[in-house]
Amino acid sequence: MKKNVGGIDKIARIVVGALLIVLALTGTIGVWGWIGVVPLATGLFNTCPAYKLLGINTCKINK
């Protein structure tokens, strides 16, 4: 898949995803915190299917 997530966007996705998962593990926000897997995965793999559908690209270098 073509990379379309980069820079600050990538870091924000990883931080928010990890935070949601930690909050779910501690029971602070319940099972909805597991939705943090989605931004975490898109940040780690540098690709977002929603961005592809919308034609958005925050990655400056496409290989």
Protein backbone atom coordinates (compact mmCIF):
# COMPACT_ATOMS: atom_id res chain seq x y z
CA MET A 1 0.00 0.00 0.00
CA LYS A 2 1.11 3.51 -0.72
CA LYS A 3 2.13 5.59 2.30
CA ASN A 4 -0.14 8.56 2.96
CA VAL A 5 0.49 9.33 6.66
CA GLY A 6 3.60 11.20 7.70
CA GLY A 7 5.21 13.63 10.11
CA ILE A 8 3.15 15.11 12.91
CA ASP A 9 0.10 13.12 11.77
CA LYS A 10 1.96 9.84 12.34
CA ILE A 11 3.18 10.83 15.81
CA ALA A 12 -0.27 12.07 16.85
CA ARG A 13 -1.93 8.83 15.72
CA ILE A 14 0.55 6.68 17.64
CA VAL A 15 0.28 8.77 20.83
CA VAL A 16 -3.54 8.96 20.76
CA GLY A 17 -3.89 5.28 19.92
CA ALA A 18 -1.55 4.18 22.70
CA LEU A 19 -3.25 6.52 25.19
CA LEU A 20 -6.70 5.12 24.38
CA ILE A 21 -5.45 1.55 24.77
CA VAL A 22 -3.82 2.33 28.12
CA LEU A 23 -7.02 4.00 29.33
CA ALA A 24 -9.00 0.92 28.25
CA LEU A 25 -6.59 -1.40 30.06
CA THR A 26 -6.91 0.56 33.28
CA GLY A 27 -10.71 0.62 32.99
CA THR A 28 -10.87 4.40 32.86
CA ILE A 29 -12.89 4.65 29.63
CA GLY A 30 -14.16 1.10 29.20
CA VAL A 31 -14.08 -1.06 26.11
CA TRP A 32 -14.43 1.90 23.74
CA GLY A 33 -10.77 2.64 24.37
CA TRP A 34 -9.86 -0.33 22.22
CA ILE A 35 -10.76 1.81 19.21
CA GLY A 36 -7.24 3.17 19.79
CA VAL A 37 -5.96 0.16 17.86
CA VAL A 38 -7.06 1.88 14.63
CA PRO A 39 -5.02 5.11 14.93
CA LEU A 40 -2.11 3.14 16.38
CA ALA A 41 -2.05 0.76 13.41
CA THR A 42 -2.46 3.51 10.80
CA GLY A 43 0.36 5.46 12.44
CA LEU A 44 2.70 2.47 12.57
CA PHE A 45 1.98 1.34 9.01
CA ASN A 46 1.97 4.89 7.56
CA THR A 47 -1.22 4.27 5.64
CA CYS A 48 -4.83 5.27 6.25
CA PRO A 49 -7.66 3.82 4.14
CA ALA A 50 -9.88 6.84 4.89
CA TYR A 51 -7.18 9.19 3.60
CA LYS A 52 -7.01 7.16 0.39
CA LEU A 53 -10.77 7.49 -0.13
CA LEU A 54 -10.68 11.24 0.54
CA GLY A 55 -7.51 11.87 -1.49
CA ILE A 56 -5.55 13.20 1.48
CA ASN A 57 -1.80 12.70 1.76
CA THR A 58 0.31 14.05 4.65
CA CYS A 59 3.42 12.09 3.68
CA LYS A 60 5.87 14.27 1.80
CA ILE A 61 7.90 11.41 0.30
CA ASN A 62 6.06 8.61 -1.49
CA LYS A 63 8.13 5.55 -2.31
